[in-house]
Amino acid sequence: MAASLRANPKSVTGAVLLFTAACLLCVLQTGASGQGDKTPSIAAAPAKEPPSAAIAAARAQAKLMHSIYAATLDSMHHHFFRRERAVLPARALEDVFEDVERQANVKARWIAVNTKAMSINHEPKTDFEKNAAKAIAAGKDDFEMIADGYYHRVGPIPLGSGCISCHTGFFAKAPTSPRFAGLVISVPLPKE
């Protein structure tokens, strides 16, 4: 099977995406809070802040998901991305984001941090995302907020040499400081 996957890069990318989605769904369904297969609802935020244990569980899930998404993106770039293919790994992962949101109510999206956005959909939209982009560009490891019944976290995605030329321009001088995108993850908090 491995030989047939190497012969067909589209199958490899599909297999990586399918494996990543399956891993994420297992993590989400077992949940850091021990909820088993219960899917959290997307109800309006309660009047008071959720218990700290719920926030800690959401934080742990978001950090784990960030690691999974970042590792999958890095692997796809390293092993499978070639310029002659039409779909970029970051774009391919947006399909994974949609599946996870539909199945587990966990939202994820890319935002531009200190390079130009490659899509208008990647511009930071909310004040939270704009402040997160500034914090990540300044070197912060993450930026978080609790609002509207969700734990929101943004973490950095380092842009490698294969990413920089598109994000900064093919003939632009190479940047001297690290460049990042941001990954926004929003995990619903359980109701009390």
N, C-alpha and C. Protein backbone atom coordinates (compact mmCIF):
# COMPACT_ATOMS: atom_id res chain seq x y z
N MET A 1 0.82 -1.19 0.00
CA MET A 1 0.00 0.00 0.00
C MET A 1 0.86 1.26 0.00
N ALA A 2 1.96 1.25 0.76
CA ALA A 2 2.82 2.43 0.83
C ALA A 2 3.35 2.80 -0.54
N ALA A 3 3.72 1.78 -1.34
CA ALA A 3 4.24 2.07 -2.67
C ALA A 3 3.17 2.70 -3.55
N SER A 4 1.92 2.22 -3.43
CA SER A 4 0.86 2.83 -4.25
C SER A 4 0.57 4.25 -3.81
N LEU A 5 0.70 4.54 -2.52
CA LEU A 5 0.49 5.91 -2.05
C LEU A 5 1.59 6.83 -2.56
N ARG A 6 2.84 6.34 -2.56
CA ARG A 6 3.93 7.16 -3.09
C ARG A 6 3.74 7.43 -4.57
N ALA A 7 3.18 6.48 -5.28
CA ALA A 7 2.99 6.66 -6.71
C ALA A 7 1.87 7.65 -7.01
N ASN A 8 0.95 7.82 -6.10
CA ASN A 8 -0.17 8.73 -6.32
C ASN A 8 -0.21 9.75 -5.18
N PRO A 9 0.43 10.91 -5.35
CA PRO A 9 0.50 11.92 -4.29
C PRO A 9 -0.87 12.39 -3.82
N LYS A 10 -1.87 12.40 -4.70
CA LYS A 10 -3.21 12.81 -4.26
C LYS A 10 -3.75 11.83 -3.23
N SER A 11 -3.47 10.53 -3.42
CA SER A 11 -3.89 9.54 -2.44
C SER A 11 -3.18 9.76 -1.12
N VAL A 12 -1.91 10.14 -1.17
CA VAL A 12 -1.15 10.40 0.05
C VAL A 12 -1.76 11.56 0.80
N THR A 13 -2.02 12.66 0.10
CA THR A 13 -2.61 13.83 0.75
C THR A 13 -3.96 13.47 1.34
N GLY A 14 -4.77 12.75 0.57
CA GLY A 14 -6.08 12.34 1.07
C GLY A 14 -5.96 11.45 2.28
N ALA A 15 -5.00 10.51 2.25
CA ALA A 15 -4.79 9.61 3.38
C ALA A 15 -4.36 10.38 4.62
N VAL A 16 -3.45 11.34 4.45
CA VAL A 16 -3.00 12.15 5.59
C VAL A 16 -4.17 12.94 6.16
N LEU A 17 -4.96 13.55 5.30
CA LEU A 17 -6.11 14.32 5.78
C LEU A 17 -7.13 13.44 6.48
N LEU A 18 -7.41 12.27 5.93
CA LEU A 18 -8.36 11.35 6.53
C LEU A 18 -7.85 10.87 7.89
N PHE A 19 -6.57 10.52 7.98
CA PHE A 19 -5.98 10.09 9.24
C PHE A 19 -6.06 11.20 10.28
N THR A 20 -5.72 12.42 9.88
CA THR A 20 -5.76 13.56 10.80
C THR A 20 -7.17 13.80 11.30
N ALA A 21 -8.13 13.78 10.39
CA ALA A 21 -9.53 14.00 10.78
C ALA A 21 -9.98 12.91 11.75
N ALA A 22 -9.62 11.66 11.48
CA ALA A 22 -10.02 10.57 12.36
C ALA A 22 -9.40 10.74 13.75
N CYS A 23 -8.12 11.11 13.81
CA CYS A 23 -7.47 11.35 15.10
C CYS A 23 -8.15 12.47 15.88
N LEU A 24 -8.46 13.55 15.18
CA LEU A 24 -9.11 14.68 15.83
C LEU A 24 -10.48 14.31 16.37
N LEU A 25 -11.24 13.56 15.60
CA LEU A 25 -12.57 13.17 16.05
C LEU A 25 -12.49 12.27 17.27
N CYS A 26 -11.51 11.36 17.31
CA CYS A 26 -11.33 10.52 18.50
C CYS A 26 -11.01 11.36 19.72
N VAL A 27 -10.10 12.32 19.55
CA VAL A 27 -9.73 13.20 20.66
C VAL A 27 -10.94 13.99 21.12
N LEU A 28 -11.68 14.55 20.17
CA LEU A 28 -12.83 15.37 20.52
C LEU A 28 -13.95 14.57 21.16
N GLN A 29 -14.19 13.35 20.69
CA GLN A 29 -15.29 12.57 21.22
C GLN A 29 -14.98 12.03 22.60
N THR A 30 -13.74 11.66 22.88
CA THR A 30 -13.41 11.22 24.22
C THR A 30 -13.26 12.42 25.13
N GLY A 31 -12.74 13.53 24.58
CA GLY A 31 -12.70 14.80 25.28
C GLY A 31 -11.78 14.81 26.48
N ALA A 32 -11.15 15.94 26.69
CA ALA A 32 -10.28 16.11 27.85
C ALA A 32 -11.09 16.16 29.13
N SER A 33 -12.39 16.44 29.03
CA SER A 33 -13.22 16.55 30.23
C SER A 33 -13.91 15.24 30.56
N GLY A 34 -13.64 14.16 29.79
CA GLY A 34 -14.23 12.87 30.09
C GLY A 34 -15.69 12.80 29.74
N GLN A 35 -16.15 13.52 28.75
CA GLN A 35 -17.56 13.53 28.39
C GLN A 35 -17.96 12.35 27.54
N GLY A 36 -17.04 11.45 27.20
CA GLY A 36 -17.36 10.33 26.35
C GLY A 36 -17.78 10.78 24.98
N ASP A 37 -18.87 10.20 24.47
CA ASP A 37 -19.27 10.53 23.11
C ASP A 37 -20.29 11.65 23.04
N LYS A 38 -20.50 12.39 24.11
CA LYS A 38 -21.44 13.51 24.08
C LYS A 38 -20.83 14.67 23.31
N THR A 39 -21.57 15.19 22.36
CA THR A 39 -21.10 16.34 21.59
C THR A 39 -21.54 17.60 22.32
N PRO A 40 -20.62 18.51 22.66
CA PRO A 40 -21.01 19.73 23.35
C PRO A 40 -21.91 20.59 22.46
N SER A 41 -22.84 21.28 23.10
CA SER A 41 -23.74 22.13 22.32
C SER A 41 -23.16 23.52 22.15
N ILE A 42 -23.72 24.27 21.21
CA ILE A 42 -23.24 25.62 20.93
C ILE A 42 -24.28 26.61 21.47
N ALA A 43 -24.61 26.52 22.73
CA ALA A 43 -25.59 27.42 23.31
C ALA A 43 -24.94 28.76 23.64
N ALA A 44 -25.77 29.76 23.87
CA ALA A 44 -25.27 31.08 24.24
C ALA A 44 -24.50 30.98 25.55
N ALA A 45 -23.59 31.91 25.75
CA ALA A 45 -22.74 31.91 26.94
C ALA A 45 -23.58 32.08 28.20
N PRO A 46 -23.28 31.31 29.25
CA PRO A 46 -23.99 31.51 30.51
C PRO A 46 -23.63 32.87 31.09
N ALA A 47 -24.46 33.35 32.00
CA ALA A 47 -24.27 34.68 32.58
C ALA A 47 -22.95 34.75 33.36
N LYS A 48 -22.55 33.66 33.98
CA LYS A 48 -21.29 33.68 34.72
C LYS A 48 -20.26 32.83 34.00
N GLU A 49 -18.98 33.05 34.34
CA GLU A 49 -17.89 32.32 33.68
C GLU A 49 -17.96 30.84 34.05
N PRO A 50 -17.67 29.96 33.08
CA PRO A 50 -17.69 28.52 33.35
C PRO A 50 -16.68 28.15 34.42
N PRO A 51 -16.86 26.98 35.04
CA PRO A 51 -15.89 26.54 36.06
C PRO A 51 -14.48 26.45 35.48
N SER A 52 -13.51 26.67 36.32
CA SER A 52 -12.13 26.66 35.84
C SER A 52 -11.74 25.30 35.27
N ALA A 53 -12.34 24.21 35.75
CA ALA A 53 -12.03 22.89 35.20
C ALA A 53 -12.47 22.80 33.73
N ALA A 54 -13.61 23.40 33.40
CA ALA A 54 -14.09 23.39 32.01
C ALA A 54 -13.15 24.20 31.13
N ILE A 55 -12.68 25.33 31.64
CA ILE A 55 -11.76 26.17 30.88
C ILE A 55 -10.43 25.43 30.68
N ALA A 56 -9.95 24.77 31.73
CA ALA A 56 -8.70 24.02 31.62
C ALA A 56 -8.83 22.88 30.60
N ALA A 57 -9.99 22.21 30.59
CA ALA A 57 -10.21 21.12 29.63
C ALA A 57 -10.24 21.66 28.21
N ALA A 58 -10.94 22.78 27.99
CA ALA A 58 -11.00 23.39 26.66
C ALA A 58 -9.61 23.85 26.22
N ARG A 59 -8.84 24.42 27.14
CA ARG A 59 -7.48 24.88 26.83
C ARG A 59 -6.61 23.69 26.41
N ALA A 60 -6.71 22.59 27.15
CA ALA A 60 -5.91 21.41 26.82
C ALA A 60 -6.28 20.86 25.45
N GLN A 61 -7.59 20.81 25.15
CA GLN A 61 -8.03 20.33 23.84
C GLN A 61 -7.51 21.23 22.73
N ALA A 62 -7.62 22.55 22.91
CA ALA A 62 -7.18 23.49 21.88
C ALA A 62 -5.68 23.38 21.64
N LYS A 63 -4.90 23.22 22.70
CA LYS A 63 -3.45 23.08 22.54
C LYS A 63 -3.12 21.78 21.80
N LEU A 64 -3.80 20.70 22.16
CA LEU A 64 -3.57 19.43 21.48
C LEU A 64 -3.96 19.53 20.01
N MET A 65 -5.11 20.13 19.73
CA MET A 65 -5.56 20.27 18.35
C MET A 65 -4.59 21.15 17.56
N HIS A 66 -4.06 22.19 18.18
CA HIS A 66 -3.09 23.04 17.51
C HIS A 66 -1.87 22.22 17.11
N SER A 67 -1.40 21.40 18.02
CA SER A 67 -0.25 20.55 17.72
C SER A 67 -0.54 19.59 16.56
N ILE A 68 -1.73 19.01 16.56
CA ILE A 68 -2.10 18.06 15.49
C ILE A 68 -2.18 18.77 14.16
N TYR A 69 -2.89 19.90 14.12
CA TYR A 69 -3.02 20.65 12.86
C TYR A 69 -1.64 21.12 12.36
N ALA A 70 -0.83 21.66 13.27
CA ALA A 70 0.49 22.16 12.86
C ALA A 70 1.38 21.03 12.36
N ALA A 71 1.35 19.89 13.05
CA ALA A 71 2.17 18.76 12.62
C ALA A 71 1.71 18.22 11.27
N THR A 72 0.40 18.17 11.05
CA THR A 72 -0.11 17.68 9.77
C THR A 72 0.30 18.62 8.65
N LEU A 73 0.18 19.91 8.88
CA LEU A 73 0.58 20.90 7.88
C LEU A 73 2.07 20.76 7.56
N ASP A 74 2.89 20.64 8.58
CA ASP A 74 4.33 20.51 8.37
C ASP A 74 4.65 19.24 7.59
N SER A 75 4.01 18.15 7.94
CA SER A 75 4.25 16.88 7.25
C SER A 75 3.84 16.96 5.79
N MET A 76 2.71 17.56 5.53
CA MET A 76 2.24 17.68 4.14
C MET A 76 3.21 18.54 3.33
N HIS A 77 3.68 19.63 3.92
CA HIS A 77 4.65 20.48 3.22
C HIS A 77 5.95 19.71 2.96
N HIS A 78 6.41 19.03 3.97
CA HIS A 78 7.70 18.35 3.87
C HIS A 78 7.68 17.18 2.88
N HIS A 79 6.63 16.36 2.95
CA HIS A 79 6.62 15.13 2.17
C HIS A 79 5.84 15.18 0.87
N PHE A 80 4.80 16.00 0.81
CA PHE A 80 3.88 15.86 -0.31
C PHE A 80 3.71 17.10 -1.16
N PHE A 81 4.06 18.27 -0.67
CA PHE A 81 3.81 19.50 -1.42
C PHE A 81 4.87 19.72 -2.49
N ARG A 82 4.39 19.87 -3.70
CA ARG A 82 5.24 20.22 -4.83
C ARG A 82 4.53 21.33 -5.58
N ARG A 83 5.26 22.28 -6.09
CA ARG A 83 4.67 23.47 -6.72
C ARG A 83 3.73 23.16 -7.87
N GLU A 84 3.90 22.02 -8.55
CA GLU A 84 3.04 21.75 -9.71
C GLU A 84 1.64 21.28 -9.31
N ARG A 85 1.41 20.99 -8.05
CA ARG A 85 0.08 20.57 -7.61
C ARG A 85 -0.79 21.79 -7.34
N ALA A 86 -2.08 21.63 -7.50
CA ALA A 86 -3.00 22.76 -7.42
C ALA A 86 -3.40 23.12 -5.98
N VAL A 87 -3.42 22.17 -5.06
CA VAL A 87 -3.94 22.43 -3.72
C VAL A 87 -2.79 22.57 -2.72
N LEU A 88 -2.74 23.71 -2.05
CA LEU A 88 -1.74 23.92 -1.00
C LEU A 88 -2.17 23.20 0.27
N PRO A 89 -1.23 22.72 1.06
CA PRO A 89 -1.60 22.01 2.29
C PRO A 89 -2.47 22.83 3.24
N ALA A 90 -2.17 24.11 3.40
CA ALA A 90 -2.99 24.94 4.30
C ALA A 90 -4.43 24.99 3.80
N ARG A 91 -4.61 25.05 2.50
CA ARG A 91 -5.97 25.05 1.93
C ARG A 91 -6.62 23.69 2.13
N ALA A 92 -5.86 22.62 1.94
CA ALA A 92 -6.40 21.28 2.13
C ALA A 92 -6.88 21.08 3.57
N LEU A 93 -6.16 21.65 4.53
CA LEU A 93 -6.57 21.51 5.93
C LEU A 93 -7.87 22.25 6.23
N GLU A 94 -8.20 23.25 5.43
CA GLU A 94 -9.47 23.95 5.64
C GLU A 94 -10.65 22.98 5.47
N ASP A 95 -10.49 21.97 4.63
CA ASP A 95 -11.52 20.94 4.52
C ASP A 95 -11.62 20.14 5.81
N VAL A 96 -10.48 19.87 6.45
CA VAL A 96 -10.48 19.19 7.73
C VAL A 96 -11.16 20.07 8.78
N PHE A 97 -10.85 21.37 8.78
CA PHE A 97 -11.50 22.29 9.72
C PHE A 97 -13.02 22.21 9.59
N GLU A 98 -13.52 22.23 8.35
CA GLU A 98 -14.97 22.18 8.12
C GLU A 98 -15.58 20.89 8.64
N ASP A 99 -14.91 19.76 8.39
CA ASP A 99 -15.43 18.48 8.86
C ASP A 99 -15.48 18.43 10.38
N VAL A 100 -14.41 18.88 11.04
CA VAL A 100 -14.37 18.87 12.50
C VAL A 100 -15.44 19.80 13.07
N GLU A 101 -15.63 20.97 12.46
CA GLU A 101 -16.68 21.87 12.94
C GLU A 101 -18.06 21.24 12.80
N ARG A 102 -18.31 20.63 11.68
CA ARG A 102 -19.62 20.01 11.43
C ARG A 102 -19.87 18.86 12.39
N GLN A 103 -18.84 18.08 12.70
CA GLN A 103 -19.03 16.89 13.52
C GLN A 103 -18.87 17.12 15.02
N ALA A 104 -18.06 18.12 15.40
CA ALA A 104 -17.76 18.29 16.83
C ALA A 104 -17.97 19.70 17.34
N ASN A 105 -18.44 20.60 16.50
CA ASN A 105 -18.69 21.99 16.90
C ASN A 105 -17.44 22.74 17.34
N VAL A 106 -16.27 22.27 16.93
CA VAL A 106 -15.01 22.96 17.21
C VAL A 106 -14.62 23.69 15.94
N LYS A 107 -14.37 24.98 16.07
CA LYS A 107 -14.05 25.81 14.90
C LYS A 107 -12.55 26.04 14.82
N ALA A 108 -12.04 26.10 13.59
CA ALA A 108 -10.63 26.41 13.38
C ALA A 108 -10.52 27.22 12.09
N ARG A 109 -9.59 28.15 12.08
CA ARG A 109 -9.33 28.93 10.86
C ARG A 109 -7.96 29.56 10.94
N TRP A 110 -7.41 29.86 9.75
CA TRP A 110 -6.12 30.54 9.64
C TRP A 110 -6.33 32.04 9.72
N ILE A 111 -5.35 32.75 10.27
CA ILE A 111 -5.31 34.21 10.16
C ILE A 111 -3.88 34.63 9.80
N ALA A 112 -3.79 35.72 9.06
CA ALA A 112 -2.49 36.30 8.76
C ALA A 112 -1.97 36.98 10.02
N VAL A 113 -0.67 36.89 10.26
CA VAL A 113 -0.07 37.51 11.45
C VAL A 113 0.88 38.62 11.04
N ASN A 114 2.01 38.27 10.43
CA ASN A 114 2.98 39.30 10.05
C ASN A 114 3.44 39.16 8.61
N THR A 115 2.55 38.62 7.78
CA THR A 115 2.73 38.63 6.32
C THR A 115 1.35 38.92 5.73
N LYS A 116 1.30 39.13 4.44
CA LYS A 116 0.00 39.40 3.83
C LYS A 116 -0.85 38.13 3.83
N ALA A 117 -2.15 38.34 3.95
CA ALA A 117 -3.08 37.22 3.90
C ALA A 117 -3.14 36.70 2.47
N MET A 118 -3.16 35.40 2.32
CA MET A 118 -3.23 34.80 0.99
C MET A 118 -4.67 34.69 0.50
N SER A 119 -5.61 34.99 1.37
CA SER A 119 -7.04 34.98 1.04
C SER A 119 -7.71 36.03 1.92
N ILE A 120 -8.75 36.66 1.42
CA ILE A 120 -9.46 37.62 2.27
C ILE A 120 -10.08 36.91 3.47
N ASN A 121 -10.30 35.60 3.36
CA ASN A 121 -10.83 34.83 4.48
C ASN A 121 -9.83 34.68 5.62
N HIS A 122 -8.57 35.00 5.36
CA HIS A 122 -7.53 34.83 6.37
C HIS A 122 -7.17 36.14 7.08
N GLU A 123 -7.83 37.22 6.72
CA GLU A 123 -7.61 38.49 7.44
C GLU A 123 -8.18 38.35 8.85
N PRO A 124 -7.48 38.80 9.88
CA PRO A 124 -8.08 38.81 11.22
C PRO A 124 -9.35 39.66 11.19
N LYS A 125 -10.48 39.11 11.67
CA LYS A 125 -11.76 39.79 11.55
C LYS A 125 -12.19 40.51 12.82
N THR A 126 -12.11 39.83 13.94
CA THR A 126 -12.60 40.39 15.20
C THR A 126 -11.48 41.11 15.92
N ASP A 127 -11.85 41.90 16.93
CA ASP A 127 -10.83 42.54 17.77
C ASP A 127 -9.93 41.49 18.41
N PHE A 128 -10.53 40.38 18.85
CA PHE A 128 -9.75 39.29 19.44
C PHE A 128 -8.70 38.79 18.46
N GLU A 129 -9.08 38.52 17.21
CA GLU A 129 -8.13 38.02 16.22
C GLU A 129 -7.06 39.06 15.88
N LYS A 130 -7.46 40.33 15.80
CA LYS A 130 -6.48 41.38 15.52
C LYS A 130 -5.46 41.50 16.65
N ASN A 131 -5.95 41.46 17.90
CA ASN A 131 -5.04 41.52 19.04
C ASN A 131 -4.17 40.27 19.13
N ALA A 132 -4.74 39.12 18.78
CA ALA A 132 -3.97 37.87 18.78
C ALA A 132 -2.85 37.94 17.75
N ALA A 133 -3.15 38.45 16.56
CA ALA A 133 -2.13 38.56 15.52
C ALA A 133 -0.98 39.45 15.99
N LYS A 134 -1.30 40.55 16.65
CA LYS A 134 -0.25 41.44 17.17
C LYS A 134 0.58 40.72 18.24
N ALA A 135 -0.09 39.98 19.12
CA ALA A 135 0.62 39.28 20.19
C ALA A 135 1.53 38.18 19.62
N ILE A 136 1.04 37.42 18.65
CA ILE A 136 1.84 36.36 18.04
C ILE A 136 3.03 36.97 17.29
N ALA A 137 2.79 38.06 16.57
CA ALA A 137 3.88 38.74 15.84
C ALA A 137 4.95 39.24 16.82
N ALA A 138 4.53 39.59 18.03
CA ALA A 138 5.47 40.08 19.05
C ALA A 138 6.18 38.94 19.78
N GLY A 139 5.86 37.69 19.42
CA GLY A 139 6.57 36.56 20.01
C GLY A 139 5.81 35.77 21.06
N LYS A 140 4.55 36.11 21.30
CA LYS A 140 3.77 35.37 22.30
C LYS A 140 3.45 33.97 21.77
N ASP A 141 3.47 32.97 22.66
CA ASP A 141 3.21 31.58 22.28
C ASP A 141 1.75 31.30 21.99
N ASP A 142 0.86 32.03 22.63
CA ASP A 142 -0.56 31.88 22.36
C ASP A 142 -1.32 33.08 22.88
N PHE A 143 -2.57 33.15 22.51
CA PHE A 143 -3.44 34.25 22.90
C PHE A 143 -4.82 33.65 23.08
N GLU A 144 -5.47 33.91 24.20
CA GLU A 144 -6.74 33.24 24.47
C GLU A 144 -7.80 34.18 25.02
N MET A 145 -9.05 33.71 24.91
CA MET A 145 -10.19 34.48 25.39
C MET A 145 -11.34 33.51 25.61
N ILE A 146 -12.20 33.84 26.57
CA ILE A 146 -13.43 33.08 26.78
C ILE A 146 -14.58 34.02 26.49
N ALA A 147 -15.42 33.65 25.53
CA ALA A 147 -16.55 34.50 25.15
C ALA A 147 -17.59 33.68 24.40
N ASP A 148 -18.83 34.05 24.56
CA ASP A 148 -19.94 33.46 23.81
C ASP A 148 -20.01 31.94 23.95
N GLY A 149 -19.66 31.42 25.13
CA GLY A 149 -19.73 29.99 25.36
C GLY A 149 -18.59 29.19 24.76
N TYR A 150 -17.52 29.87 24.35
CA TYR A 150 -16.37 29.20 23.73
C TYR A 150 -15.08 29.62 24.42
N TYR A 151 -14.11 28.68 24.43
CA TYR A 151 -12.73 28.99 24.74
C TYR A 151 -12.06 29.19 23.39
N HIS A 152 -11.49 30.39 23.17
CA HIS A 152 -10.83 30.72 21.91
C HIS A 152 -9.32 30.80 22.15
N ARG A 153 -8.56 30.18 21.26
CA ARG A 153 -7.10 30.21 21.37
C ARG A 153 -6.50 30.44 19.99
N VAL A 154 -5.47 31.28 19.94
CA VAL A 154 -4.69 31.47 18.71
C VAL A 154 -3.25 31.13 19.04
N GLY A 155 -2.66 30.30 18.20
CA GLY A 155 -1.25 29.94 18.35
C GLY A 155 -0.53 30.20 17.03
N PRO A 156 0.79 30.35 17.09
CA PRO A 156 1.56 30.65 15.87
C PRO A 156 1.79 29.41 15.00
N ILE A 157 1.82 29.63 13.70
CA ILE A 157 2.25 28.63 12.72
C ILE A 157 3.45 29.25 12.00
N PRO A 158 4.67 28.76 12.30
CA PRO A 158 5.85 29.33 11.64
C PRO A 158 5.79 29.10 10.12
N LEU A 159 6.10 30.12 9.35
CA LEU A 159 6.13 30.00 7.90
C LEU A 159 7.55 29.65 7.47
N GLY A 160 7.70 28.50 6.84
CA GLY A 160 9.00 28.05 6.39
C GLY A 160 9.40 28.71 5.07
N SER A 161 10.56 28.33 4.58
CA SER A 161 11.08 28.94 3.35
C SER A 161 10.16 28.73 2.16
N GLY A 162 9.46 27.60 2.11
CA GLY A 162 8.52 27.35 1.01
C GLY A 162 7.30 28.24 1.09
N CYS A 163 6.99 28.74 2.25
CA CYS A 163 5.81 29.59 2.45
C CYS A 163 6.13 31.07 2.21
N ILE A 164 7.32 31.48 2.63
CA ILE A 164 7.68 32.89 2.66
C ILE A 164 7.58 33.56 1.30
N SER A 165 8.06 32.91 0.25
CA SER A 165 8.07 33.58 -1.06
C SER A 165 6.67 33.95 -1.52
N CYS A 166 5.69 33.12 -1.25
CA CYS A 166 4.31 33.47 -1.63
C CYS A 166 3.74 34.56 -0.72
N HIS A 167 3.97 34.42 0.58
CA HIS A 167 3.38 35.35 1.54
C HIS A 167 4.03 36.73 1.50
N THR A 168 5.30 36.81 1.11
CA THR A 168 5.96 38.12 1.09
C THR A 168 6.20 38.64 -0.32
N GLY A 169 6.03 37.79 -1.32
CA GLY A 169 6.26 38.18 -2.71
C GLY A 169 7.50 37.50 -3.24
N PHE A 170 7.44 37.03 -4.47
CA PHE A 170 8.54 36.24 -5.04
C PHE A 170 9.84 37.02 -5.16
N PHE A 171 9.78 38.31 -5.39
CA PHE A 171 11.01 39.07 -5.61
C PHE A 171 11.33 39.98 -4.43
N ALA A 172 10.60 39.81 -3.34
CA ALA A 172 10.85 40.62 -2.15
C ALA A 172 12.11 40.11 -1.44
N LYS A 173 12.76 41.02 -0.75
CA LYS A 173 13.92 40.65 0.05
C LYS A 173 13.46 39.72 1.18
N ALA A 174 14.23 38.70 1.45
CA ALA A 174 13.88 37.75 2.51
C ALA A 174 13.78 38.47 3.85
N PRO A 175 12.74 38.20 4.62
CA PRO A 175 12.60 38.85 5.92
C PRO A 175 13.69 38.42 6.89
N THR A 176 14.07 39.31 7.76
CA THR A 176 15.13 39.01 8.74
C THR A 176 14.54 38.48 10.05
N SER A 177 13.27 38.68 10.27
CA SER A 177 12.62 38.17 11.48
C SER A 177 11.67 37.03 11.10
N PRO A 178 11.37 36.15 12.03
CA PRO A 178 10.46 35.03 11.74
C PRO A 178 9.09 35.53 11.29
N ARG A 179 8.48 34.77 10.41
CA ARG A 179 7.13 35.09 9.90
C ARG A 179 6.18 33.99 10.33
N PHE A 180 4.95 34.40 10.65
CA PHE A 180 3.96 33.47 11.18
C PHE A 180 2.60 33.69 10.55
N ALA A 181 1.83 32.62 10.52
CA ALA A 181 0.38 32.69 10.37
C ALA A 181 -0.15 32.35 11.75
N GLY A 182 -1.44 32.47 11.94
CA GLY A 182 -2.04 32.09 13.21
C GLY A 182 -3.10 31.04 12.98
N LEU A 183 -3.27 30.16 13.94
CA LEU A 183 -4.33 29.16 13.90
C LEU A 183 -5.29 29.46 15.04
N VAL A 184 -6.53 29.83 14.68
CA VAL A 184 -7.57 30.15 15.67
C VAL A 184 -8.37 28.87 15.90
N ILE A 185 -8.49 28.46 17.15
CA ILE A 185 -9.30 27.29 17.52
C ILE A 185 -10.30 27.75 18.57
N SER A 186 -11.57 27.42 18.33
CA SER A 186 -12.64 27.79 19.26
C SER A 186 -13.36 26.52 19.70
N VAL A 187 -13.28 26.22 21.01
CA VAL A 187 -13.85 25.01 21.59
C VAL A 187 -15.05 25.39 22.44
N PRO A 188 -16.23 24.79 22.18
CA PRO A 188 -17.40 25.11 23.01
C PRO A 188 -17.20 24.63 24.44
N LEU A 189 -17.62 25.46 25.38
CA LEU A 189 -17.54 25.10 26.79
C LEU A 189 -18.84 24.42 27.21
N PRO A 190 -18.76 23.39 28.03
CA PRO A 190 -19.99 22.71 28.46
C PRO A 190 -20.82 23.62 29.35
N LYS A 191 -22.13 23.46 29.25
CA LYS A 191 -23.02 24.21 30.13
C LYS A 191 -22.97 23.60 31.52
N GLU A 192 -23.22 24.44 32.52
CA GLU A 192 -23.23 23.94 33.89
C GLU A 192 -24.48 23.14 34.14
